[in-house]
Amino acid sequence: MSGEGAASATPVDADGLRVAIVAASWHESIMNALIAGALALCEESSADAVVLRVPGTFELPLAAAVCADAGFDAVVALGVVIRGGTPHFEYVCEAATTGLTRVALDTRTPVGFGVLTCDTVEQALDRAGLPGSREDKGREAAHAALATALVLRQVPGGPRLRP
């Protein structure tokens, strides 16, 4: 299972942080569960969250970059890519991963990576945070983004909460 060895997700106090949840539209029931997990974590952490939907996972990096440039303190990127019979899976996964990494580094804005890259729909369902799922990757991605934003604010000369 992919979640094996994960650090415990200790609660964070993200009061005052603005987070953009950018989410793809493919695989609607899985995406809705990922968004629900991310929103629940933001609410529990007192972060102000906004959800923006884009057509697919390929579009996530651009949406994340625009949100980072607009002053959000963190971005949570959520998507689902299921392997098919063509190389399309590899292209989309590579583009999303590289693009989201670039957004984080270029804008110095934490990006929580909640893109499921699975061989089957069943694997994605098991990671979506639905009843019976073993993992909640939407929640985990939101926690990673918020926790990182808070850590970076401790760095002398690092980013500060926006007014």
N, C-alpha and C. Protein backbone atom coordinates (compact mmCIF):
# COMPACT_ATOMS: atom_id res chain seq x y z
N MET A 1 0.84 -1.17 0.00
CA MET A 1 0.00 0.00 0.00
C MET A 1 0.89 1.24 0.00
N SER A 2 0.53 2.24 -0.79
CA SER A 2 1.36 3.42 -0.96
C SER A 2 1.51 4.26 0.30
N GLY A 3 0.56 4.22 1.21
CA GLY A 3 0.64 5.04 2.42
C GLY A 3 1.52 4.48 3.50
N GLU A 4 2.09 3.31 3.28
CA GLU A 4 2.93 2.70 4.30
C GLU A 4 4.14 3.57 4.60
N GLY A 5 4.41 3.77 5.88
CA GLY A 5 5.58 4.55 6.28
C GLY A 5 5.34 6.04 6.33
N ALA A 6 4.12 6.50 6.07
CA ALA A 6 3.83 7.93 6.07
C ALA A 6 3.94 8.48 7.49
N ALA A 7 4.38 9.73 7.57
CA ALA A 7 4.44 10.41 8.86
C ALA A 7 3.02 10.65 9.35
N SER A 8 2.87 10.72 10.67
CA SER A 8 1.53 11.00 11.19
C SER A 8 1.17 12.44 10.85
N ALA A 9 -0.07 12.64 10.48
CA ALA A 9 -0.55 13.97 10.10
C ALA A 9 -1.05 14.69 11.33
N THR A 10 -0.13 15.30 12.07
CA THR A 10 -0.52 16.03 13.27
C THR A 10 -1.36 17.25 12.86
N PRO A 11 -2.35 17.59 13.64
CA PRO A 11 -3.20 18.74 13.29
C PRO A 11 -2.36 20.02 13.17
N VAL A 12 -2.80 20.89 12.28
CA VAL A 12 -2.12 22.18 12.10
C VAL A 12 -3.11 23.30 12.36
N ASP A 13 -2.60 24.42 12.87
CA ASP A 13 -3.41 25.61 13.05
C ASP A 13 -3.07 26.55 11.90
N ALA A 14 -3.90 26.54 10.89
CA ALA A 14 -3.64 27.33 9.68
C ALA A 14 -4.56 28.55 9.61
N ASP A 15 -4.98 29.04 10.78
CA ASP A 15 -5.86 30.20 10.83
C ASP A 15 -5.18 31.37 10.10
N GLY A 16 -5.89 31.96 9.17
CA GLY A 16 -5.33 33.07 8.41
C GLY A 16 -4.72 32.68 7.09
N LEU A 17 -4.51 31.41 6.84
CA LEU A 17 -3.96 30.97 5.56
C LEU A 17 -5.06 30.83 4.53
N ARG A 18 -4.75 31.26 3.32
CA ARG A 18 -5.66 31.11 2.18
C ARG A 18 -5.12 30.00 1.30
N VAL A 19 -5.95 29.00 1.04
CA VAL A 19 -5.52 27.86 0.24
C VAL A 19 -6.46 27.69 -0.95
N ALA A 20 -5.86 27.47 -2.11
CA ALA A 20 -6.62 27.17 -3.32
C ALA A 20 -6.57 25.66 -3.55
N ILE A 21 -7.71 25.06 -3.71
CA ILE A 21 -7.79 23.65 -4.06
C ILE A 21 -8.14 23.61 -5.55
N VAL A 22 -7.17 23.23 -6.37
CA VAL A 22 -7.40 23.12 -7.81
C VAL A 22 -7.61 21.64 -8.12
N ALA A 23 -8.72 21.35 -8.78
CA ALA A 23 -9.13 19.96 -8.94
C ALA A 23 -9.58 19.69 -10.37
N ALA A 24 -9.14 18.55 -10.89
CA ALA A 24 -9.55 18.11 -12.21
C ALA A 24 -11.00 17.63 -12.17
N SER A 25 -11.58 17.42 -13.33
CA SER A 25 -12.98 17.03 -13.41
C SER A 25 -13.21 15.57 -13.79
N TRP A 26 -12.20 14.89 -14.31
CA TRP A 26 -12.37 13.48 -14.68
C TRP A 26 -12.60 12.63 -13.44
N HIS A 27 -13.32 11.53 -13.58
CA HIS A 27 -13.61 10.58 -12.50
C HIS A 27 -14.29 11.31 -11.34
N GLU A 28 -15.49 11.80 -11.63
CA GLU A 28 -16.20 12.72 -10.75
C GLU A 28 -16.37 12.22 -9.31
N SER A 29 -16.76 10.97 -9.10
CA SER A 29 -16.99 10.50 -7.73
C SER A 29 -15.68 10.45 -6.94
N ILE A 30 -14.61 10.07 -7.59
CA ILE A 30 -13.30 10.05 -6.93
C ILE A 30 -12.85 11.48 -6.63
N MET A 31 -13.01 12.36 -7.61
CA MET A 31 -12.60 13.75 -7.42
C MET A 31 -13.40 14.42 -6.30
N ASN A 32 -14.71 14.17 -6.28
CA ASN A 32 -15.54 14.77 -5.22
C ASN A 32 -15.07 14.31 -3.84
N ALA A 33 -14.67 13.05 -3.73
CA ALA A 33 -14.17 12.55 -2.44
C ALA A 33 -12.83 13.20 -2.09
N LEU A 34 -11.94 13.34 -3.06
CA LEU A 34 -10.65 13.99 -2.81
C LEU A 34 -10.85 15.44 -2.35
N ILE A 35 -11.75 16.13 -3.03
CA ILE A 35 -12.05 17.52 -2.65
C ILE A 35 -12.64 17.58 -1.24
N ALA A 36 -13.54 16.67 -0.94
CA ALA A 36 -14.15 16.64 0.40
C ALA A 36 -13.10 16.43 1.48
N GLY A 37 -12.14 15.54 1.23
CA GLY A 37 -11.07 15.32 2.20
C GLY A 37 -10.21 16.55 2.40
N ALA A 38 -9.87 17.22 1.29
CA ALA A 38 -9.06 18.44 1.38
C ALA A 38 -9.82 19.55 2.11
N LEU A 39 -11.09 19.71 1.77
CA LEU A 39 -11.90 20.75 2.43
C LEU A 39 -12.06 20.48 3.92
N ALA A 40 -12.26 19.21 4.28
CA ALA A 40 -12.41 18.86 5.70
C ALA A 40 -11.16 19.21 6.49
N LEU A 41 -9.99 18.90 5.92
CA LEU A 41 -8.73 19.22 6.61
C LEU A 41 -8.57 20.73 6.73
N CYS A 42 -8.91 21.48 5.68
CA CYS A 42 -8.80 22.94 5.74
C CYS A 42 -9.73 23.51 6.80
N GLU A 43 -10.95 23.00 6.86
CA GLU A 43 -11.89 23.47 7.87
C GLU A 43 -11.39 23.17 9.28
N GLU A 44 -10.91 21.95 9.51
CA GLU A 44 -10.39 21.57 10.83
C GLU A 44 -9.17 22.41 11.21
N SER A 45 -8.43 22.88 10.21
CA SER A 45 -7.22 23.67 10.45
C SER A 45 -7.47 25.17 10.44
N SER A 46 -8.72 25.58 10.23
CA SER A 46 -9.13 26.99 10.18
C SER A 46 -8.54 27.74 8.99
N ALA A 47 -8.20 27.04 7.92
CA ALA A 47 -7.72 27.69 6.70
C ALA A 47 -8.91 28.10 5.86
N ASP A 48 -8.76 29.19 5.13
CA ASP A 48 -9.80 29.66 4.21
C ASP A 48 -9.55 29.01 2.85
N ALA A 49 -10.44 28.13 2.41
CA ALA A 49 -10.23 27.37 1.18
C ALA A 49 -11.21 27.77 0.08
N VAL A 50 -10.69 27.78 -1.14
CA VAL A 50 -11.47 28.03 -2.34
C VAL A 50 -11.22 26.86 -3.28
N VAL A 51 -12.27 26.34 -3.91
CA VAL A 51 -12.13 25.23 -4.86
C VAL A 51 -12.30 25.76 -6.28
N LEU A 52 -11.36 25.40 -7.13
CA LEU A 52 -11.42 25.75 -8.55
C LEU A 52 -11.32 24.46 -9.36
N ARG A 53 -12.24 24.25 -10.28
CA ARG A 53 -12.24 23.03 -11.10
C ARG A 53 -11.68 23.35 -12.48
N VAL A 54 -10.83 22.47 -12.97
CA VAL A 54 -10.29 22.55 -14.32
C VAL A 54 -10.68 21.27 -15.06
N PRO A 55 -10.59 21.26 -16.39
CA PRO A 55 -11.03 20.08 -17.13
C PRO A 55 -10.32 18.78 -16.76
N GLY A 56 -9.00 18.81 -16.66
CA GLY A 56 -8.28 17.58 -16.40
C GLY A 56 -7.00 17.81 -15.62
N THR A 57 -6.28 16.73 -15.37
CA THR A 57 -5.04 16.79 -14.59
C THR A 57 -3.96 17.59 -15.31
N PHE A 58 -3.94 17.54 -16.62
CA PHE A 58 -2.95 18.29 -17.40
C PHE A 58 -3.04 19.79 -17.13
N GLU A 59 -4.24 20.27 -16.82
CA GLU A 59 -4.46 21.70 -16.60
C GLU A 59 -4.13 22.17 -15.18
N LEU A 60 -3.84 21.25 -14.28
CA LEU A 60 -3.58 21.62 -12.89
C LEU A 60 -2.40 22.58 -12.70
N PRO A 61 -1.24 22.37 -13.36
CA PRO A 61 -0.12 23.28 -13.12
C PRO A 61 -0.43 24.74 -13.45
N LEU A 62 -1.11 25.00 -14.55
CA LEU A 62 -1.44 26.38 -14.89
C LEU A 62 -2.37 26.99 -13.84
N ALA A 63 -3.39 26.25 -13.45
CA ALA A 63 -4.31 26.76 -12.42
C ALA A 63 -3.57 27.01 -11.11
N ALA A 64 -2.68 26.10 -10.75
CA ALA A 64 -1.90 26.27 -9.51
C ALA A 64 -1.01 27.50 -9.59
N ALA A 65 -0.39 27.73 -10.74
CA ALA A 65 0.49 28.90 -10.90
C ALA A 65 -0.29 30.20 -10.78
N VAL A 66 -1.45 30.26 -11.40
CA VAL A 66 -2.27 31.46 -11.32
C VAL A 66 -2.71 31.71 -9.88
N CYS A 67 -3.08 30.66 -9.16
CA CYS A 67 -3.47 30.82 -7.76
C CYS A 67 -2.30 31.28 -6.90
N ALA A 68 -1.13 30.72 -7.13
CA ALA A 68 0.05 31.15 -6.39
C ALA A 68 0.35 32.62 -6.67
N ASP A 69 0.28 33.01 -7.94
CA ASP A 69 0.53 34.41 -8.31
C ASP A 69 -0.53 35.34 -7.73
N ALA A 70 -1.73 34.82 -7.51
CA ALA A 70 -2.83 35.64 -6.96
C ALA A 70 -2.71 35.83 -5.45
N GLY A 71 -1.71 35.20 -4.84
CA GLY A 71 -1.46 35.44 -3.42
C GLY A 71 -1.95 34.38 -2.47
N PHE A 72 -2.40 33.23 -2.97
CA PHE A 72 -2.77 32.16 -2.04
C PHE A 72 -1.52 31.69 -1.30
N ASP A 73 -1.69 31.32 -0.04
CA ASP A 73 -0.56 30.87 0.78
C ASP A 73 -0.14 29.45 0.45
N ALA A 74 -1.06 28.66 -0.08
CA ALA A 74 -0.78 27.27 -0.44
C ALA A 74 -1.78 26.85 -1.51
N VAL A 75 -1.39 25.83 -2.26
CA VAL A 75 -2.25 25.26 -3.30
C VAL A 75 -2.30 23.76 -3.08
N VAL A 76 -3.48 23.19 -3.24
CA VAL A 76 -3.66 21.74 -3.20
C VAL A 76 -4.11 21.32 -4.60
N ALA A 77 -3.33 20.47 -5.25
CA ALA A 77 -3.65 20.02 -6.60
C ALA A 77 -4.19 18.59 -6.54
N LEU A 78 -5.40 18.40 -7.06
CA LEU A 78 -6.06 17.10 -7.00
C LEU A 78 -6.44 16.63 -8.40
N GLY A 79 -6.09 15.40 -8.70
CA GLY A 79 -6.44 14.83 -10.00
C GLY A 79 -6.41 13.32 -9.95
N VAL A 80 -6.92 12.70 -10.99
CA VAL A 80 -6.93 11.25 -11.10
C VAL A 80 -6.55 10.90 -12.53
N VAL A 81 -5.52 10.06 -12.68
CA VAL A 81 -5.13 9.55 -13.99
C VAL A 81 -5.07 8.03 -13.88
N ILE A 82 -5.88 7.35 -14.71
CA ILE A 82 -5.93 5.90 -14.70
C ILE A 82 -5.21 5.40 -15.95
N ARG A 83 -4.31 4.45 -15.75
CA ARG A 83 -3.54 3.91 -16.87
C ARG A 83 -4.49 3.26 -17.88
N GLY A 84 -4.23 3.53 -19.13
CA GLY A 84 -5.00 2.93 -20.21
C GLY A 84 -4.06 2.14 -21.12
N GLY A 85 -4.46 1.95 -22.35
CA GLY A 85 -3.68 1.15 -23.27
C GLY A 85 -2.73 1.95 -24.14
N THR A 86 -2.59 3.25 -23.90
CA THR A 86 -1.70 4.09 -24.71
C THR A 86 -0.73 4.83 -23.80
N PRO A 87 0.28 5.47 -24.37
CA PRO A 87 1.26 6.23 -23.55
C PRO A 87 0.69 7.51 -22.94
N HIS A 88 -0.56 7.85 -23.20
CA HIS A 88 -1.18 9.06 -22.68
C HIS A 88 -1.00 9.19 -21.17
N PHE A 89 -1.13 8.09 -20.45
CA PHE A 89 -0.97 8.07 -18.99
C PHE A 89 0.37 8.67 -18.60
N GLU A 90 1.45 8.20 -19.23
CA GLU A 90 2.79 8.68 -18.89
C GLU A 90 2.93 10.17 -19.19
N TYR A 91 2.40 10.61 -20.32
CA TYR A 91 2.53 12.02 -20.69
C TYR A 91 1.81 12.93 -19.70
N VAL A 92 0.60 12.57 -19.35
CA VAL A 92 -0.18 13.41 -18.43
C VAL A 92 0.44 13.40 -17.03
N CYS A 93 0.84 12.24 -16.56
CA CYS A 93 1.44 12.15 -15.22
C CYS A 93 2.75 12.94 -15.14
N GLU A 94 3.58 12.80 -16.15
CA GLU A 94 4.86 13.53 -16.18
C GLU A 94 4.64 15.03 -16.25
N ALA A 95 3.72 15.46 -17.11
CA ALA A 95 3.44 16.89 -17.25
C ALA A 95 2.90 17.47 -15.95
N ALA A 96 1.99 16.76 -15.30
CA ALA A 96 1.42 17.27 -14.05
C ALA A 96 2.47 17.33 -12.95
N THR A 97 3.26 16.28 -12.82
CA THR A 97 4.27 16.24 -11.77
C THR A 97 5.32 17.32 -11.98
N THR A 98 5.85 17.40 -13.18
CA THR A 98 6.87 18.41 -13.48
C THR A 98 6.29 19.81 -13.35
N GLY A 99 5.10 20.01 -13.86
CA GLY A 99 4.48 21.33 -13.81
C GLY A 99 4.20 21.80 -12.39
N LEU A 100 3.66 20.91 -11.58
CA LEU A 100 3.35 21.30 -10.19
C LEU A 100 4.62 21.53 -9.38
N THR A 101 5.65 20.75 -9.64
CA THR A 101 6.94 20.99 -8.98
C THR A 101 7.48 22.36 -9.37
N ARG A 102 7.39 22.66 -10.64
CA ARG A 102 7.87 23.96 -11.12
C ARG A 102 7.09 25.10 -10.48
N VAL A 103 5.78 24.95 -10.35
CA VAL A 103 4.97 25.99 -9.71
C VAL A 103 5.48 26.23 -8.29
N ALA A 104 5.68 25.17 -7.54
CA ALA A 104 6.13 25.33 -6.15
C ALA A 104 7.48 26.03 -6.09
N LEU A 105 8.41 25.61 -6.92
CA LEU A 105 9.75 26.20 -6.89
C LEU A 105 9.77 27.62 -7.43
N ASP A 106 9.09 27.87 -8.54
CA ASP A 106 9.12 29.19 -9.17
C ASP A 106 8.37 30.24 -8.35
N THR A 107 7.29 29.85 -7.70
CA THR A 107 6.49 30.83 -6.96
C THR A 107 6.78 30.81 -5.46
N ARG A 108 7.54 29.81 -5.03
CA ARG A 108 7.83 29.62 -3.61
C ARG A 108 6.54 29.46 -2.79
N THR A 109 5.57 28.80 -3.40
CA THR A 109 4.28 28.54 -2.78
C THR A 109 4.14 27.02 -2.60
N PRO A 110 3.84 26.56 -1.40
CA PRO A 110 3.66 25.12 -1.20
C PRO A 110 2.52 24.58 -2.06
N VAL A 111 2.78 23.45 -2.71
CA VAL A 111 1.77 22.78 -3.52
C VAL A 111 1.62 21.36 -2.99
N GLY A 112 0.45 21.05 -2.46
CA GLY A 112 0.16 19.69 -2.02
C GLY A 112 -0.19 18.84 -3.22
N PHE A 113 0.53 17.73 -3.38
CA PHE A 113 0.36 16.87 -4.56
C PHE A 113 -0.64 15.77 -4.26
N GLY A 114 -1.85 15.94 -4.76
CA GLY A 114 -2.91 14.97 -4.57
C GLY A 114 -3.38 14.39 -5.89
N VAL A 115 -2.43 14.10 -6.76
CA VAL A 115 -2.77 13.51 -8.05
C VAL A 115 -2.61 11.99 -7.94
N LEU A 116 -3.72 11.29 -8.09
CA LEU A 116 -3.67 9.84 -8.06
C LEU A 116 -3.25 9.33 -9.43
N THR A 117 -2.22 8.52 -9.47
CA THR A 117 -1.74 7.91 -10.71
C THR A 117 -1.84 6.41 -10.52
N CYS A 118 -2.92 5.85 -10.99
CA CYS A 118 -3.26 4.46 -10.66
C CYS A 118 -3.39 3.59 -11.91
N ASP A 119 -3.19 2.31 -11.71
CA ASP A 119 -3.37 1.35 -12.79
C ASP A 119 -4.84 1.03 -13.02
N THR A 120 -5.66 1.11 -11.95
CA THR A 120 -7.07 0.74 -12.05
C THR A 120 -7.94 1.73 -11.30
N VAL A 121 -9.21 1.75 -11.64
CA VAL A 121 -10.18 2.58 -10.92
C VAL A 121 -10.26 2.12 -9.47
N GLU A 122 -10.17 0.82 -9.22
CA GLU A 122 -10.25 0.29 -7.86
C GLU A 122 -9.13 0.86 -6.98
N GLN A 123 -7.92 0.98 -7.54
CA GLN A 123 -6.81 1.57 -6.78
C GLN A 123 -7.12 3.03 -6.43
N ALA A 124 -7.69 3.76 -7.36
CA ALA A 124 -8.03 5.16 -7.10
C ALA A 124 -9.11 5.26 -6.03
N LEU A 125 -10.12 4.40 -6.10
CA LEU A 125 -11.18 4.41 -5.10
C LEU A 125 -10.62 4.13 -3.70
N ASP A 126 -9.61 3.28 -3.62
CA ASP A 126 -9.01 2.93 -2.34
C ASP A 126 -8.20 4.07 -1.74
N ARG A 127 -7.88 5.08 -2.53
CA ARG A 127 -7.08 6.21 -2.07
C ARG A 127 -7.88 7.51 -1.96
N ALA A 128 -9.18 7.44 -2.31
CA ALA A 128 -9.99 8.65 -2.47
C ALA A 128 -10.62 9.17 -1.18
N GLY A 129 -10.57 8.41 -0.10
CA GLY A 129 -11.19 8.87 1.14
C GLY A 129 -12.68 8.58 1.21
N LEU A 130 -13.15 7.69 0.37
CA LEU A 130 -14.55 7.26 0.42
C LEU A 130 -14.75 6.28 1.58
N PRO A 131 -15.98 6.05 1.99
CA PRO A 131 -16.20 5.00 3.00
C PRO A 131 -15.61 3.68 2.49
N GLY A 132 -14.78 3.06 3.30
CA GLY A 132 -14.12 1.83 2.91
C GLY A 132 -12.76 2.02 2.26
N SER A 133 -12.41 3.25 1.89
CA SER A 133 -11.08 3.52 1.33
C SER A 133 -10.03 3.38 2.42
N ARG A 134 -8.84 2.94 2.04
CA ARG A 134 -7.76 2.82 3.02
C ARG A 134 -6.98 4.11 3.21
N GLU A 135 -7.12 5.02 2.26
CA GLU A 135 -6.38 6.29 2.35
C GLU A 135 -7.28 7.44 1.92
N ASP A 136 -6.86 8.66 2.28
CA ASP A 136 -7.55 9.88 1.88
C ASP A 136 -6.49 10.85 1.36
N LYS A 137 -6.17 10.71 0.09
CA LYS A 137 -5.09 11.51 -0.50
C LYS A 137 -5.45 12.99 -0.62
N GLY A 138 -6.73 13.33 -0.69
CA GLY A 138 -7.11 14.74 -0.69
C GLY A 138 -6.76 15.39 0.63
N ARG A 139 -7.10 14.72 1.70
CA ARG A 139 -6.77 15.21 3.05
C ARG A 139 -5.25 15.30 3.23
N GLU A 140 -4.54 14.25 2.80
CA GLU A 140 -3.07 14.24 2.94
C GLU A 140 -2.42 15.37 2.17
N ALA A 141 -2.90 15.63 0.95
CA ALA A 141 -2.32 16.71 0.14
C ALA A 141 -2.57 18.07 0.78
N ALA A 142 -3.77 18.27 1.33
CA ALA A 142 -4.06 19.54 2.01
C ALA A 142 -3.19 19.71 3.24
N HIS A 143 -3.01 18.63 3.99
CA HIS A 143 -2.16 18.70 5.17
C HIS A 143 -0.72 19.06 4.78
N ALA A 144 -0.21 18.43 3.74
CA ALA A 144 1.16 18.70 3.30
C ALA A 144 1.33 20.17 2.90
N ALA A 145 0.37 20.71 2.16
CA ALA A 145 0.47 22.10 1.71
C ALA A 145 0.42 23.06 2.89
N LEU A 146 -0.53 22.86 3.80
CA LEU A 146 -0.66 23.77 4.95
C LEU A 146 0.51 23.66 5.91
N ALA A 147 0.92 22.43 6.21
CA ALA A 147 2.05 22.24 7.13
C ALA A 147 3.32 22.85 6.55
N THR A 148 3.52 22.72 5.25
CA THR A 148 4.71 23.30 4.63
C THR A 148 4.65 24.82 4.66
N ALA A 149 3.47 25.39 4.39
CA ALA A 149 3.33 26.85 4.44
C ALA A 149 3.68 27.37 5.83
N LEU A 150 3.23 26.68 6.86
CA LEU A 150 3.52 27.10 8.23
C LEU A 150 5.01 26.96 8.57
N VAL A 151 5.64 25.91 8.12
CA VAL A 151 7.08 25.72 8.36
C VAL A 151 7.88 26.83 7.67
N LEU A 152 7.52 27.15 6.43
CA LEU A 152 8.26 28.18 5.69
C LEU A 152 8.16 29.55 6.33
N ARG A 153 7.09 29.79 7.06
CA ARG A 153 6.94 31.08 7.74
C ARG A 153 7.89 31.22 8.93
N GLN A 154 8.49 30.12 9.34
CA GLN A 154 9.45 30.15 10.44
C GLN A 154 10.86 30.49 9.96
N VAL A 155 11.08 30.48 8.66
CA VAL A 155 12.40 30.76 8.10
C VAL A 155 12.62 32.26 8.12
N PRO A 156 13.72 32.72 8.74
CA PRO A 156 14.01 34.15 8.73
C PRO A 156 14.08 34.69 7.29
N GLY A 157 13.30 35.73 7.02
CA GLY A 157 13.25 36.30 5.68
C GLY A 157 12.33 35.53 4.75
N GLY A 158 11.67 34.49 5.25
CA GLY A 158 10.76 33.68 4.43
C GLY A 158 9.42 34.38 4.27
N PRO A 159 8.49 33.71 3.61
CA PRO A 159 7.17 34.33 3.37
C PRO A 159 6.42 34.57 4.67
N ARG A 160 5.59 35.55 4.65
CA ARG A 160 4.75 35.89 5.81
C ARG A 160 3.30 35.77 5.40
N LEU A 161 2.44 35.63 6.39
CA LEU A 161 1.01 35.62 6.10
C LEU A 161 0.63 36.94 5.46
N ARG A 162 -0.19 36.87 4.44
CA ARG A 162 -0.64 38.09 3.77
C ARG A 162 -1.77 38.71 4.59
N PRO A 163 -1.88 40.05 4.53
CA PRO A 163 -2.95 40.73 5.29
C PRO A 163 -4.32 40.33 4.80
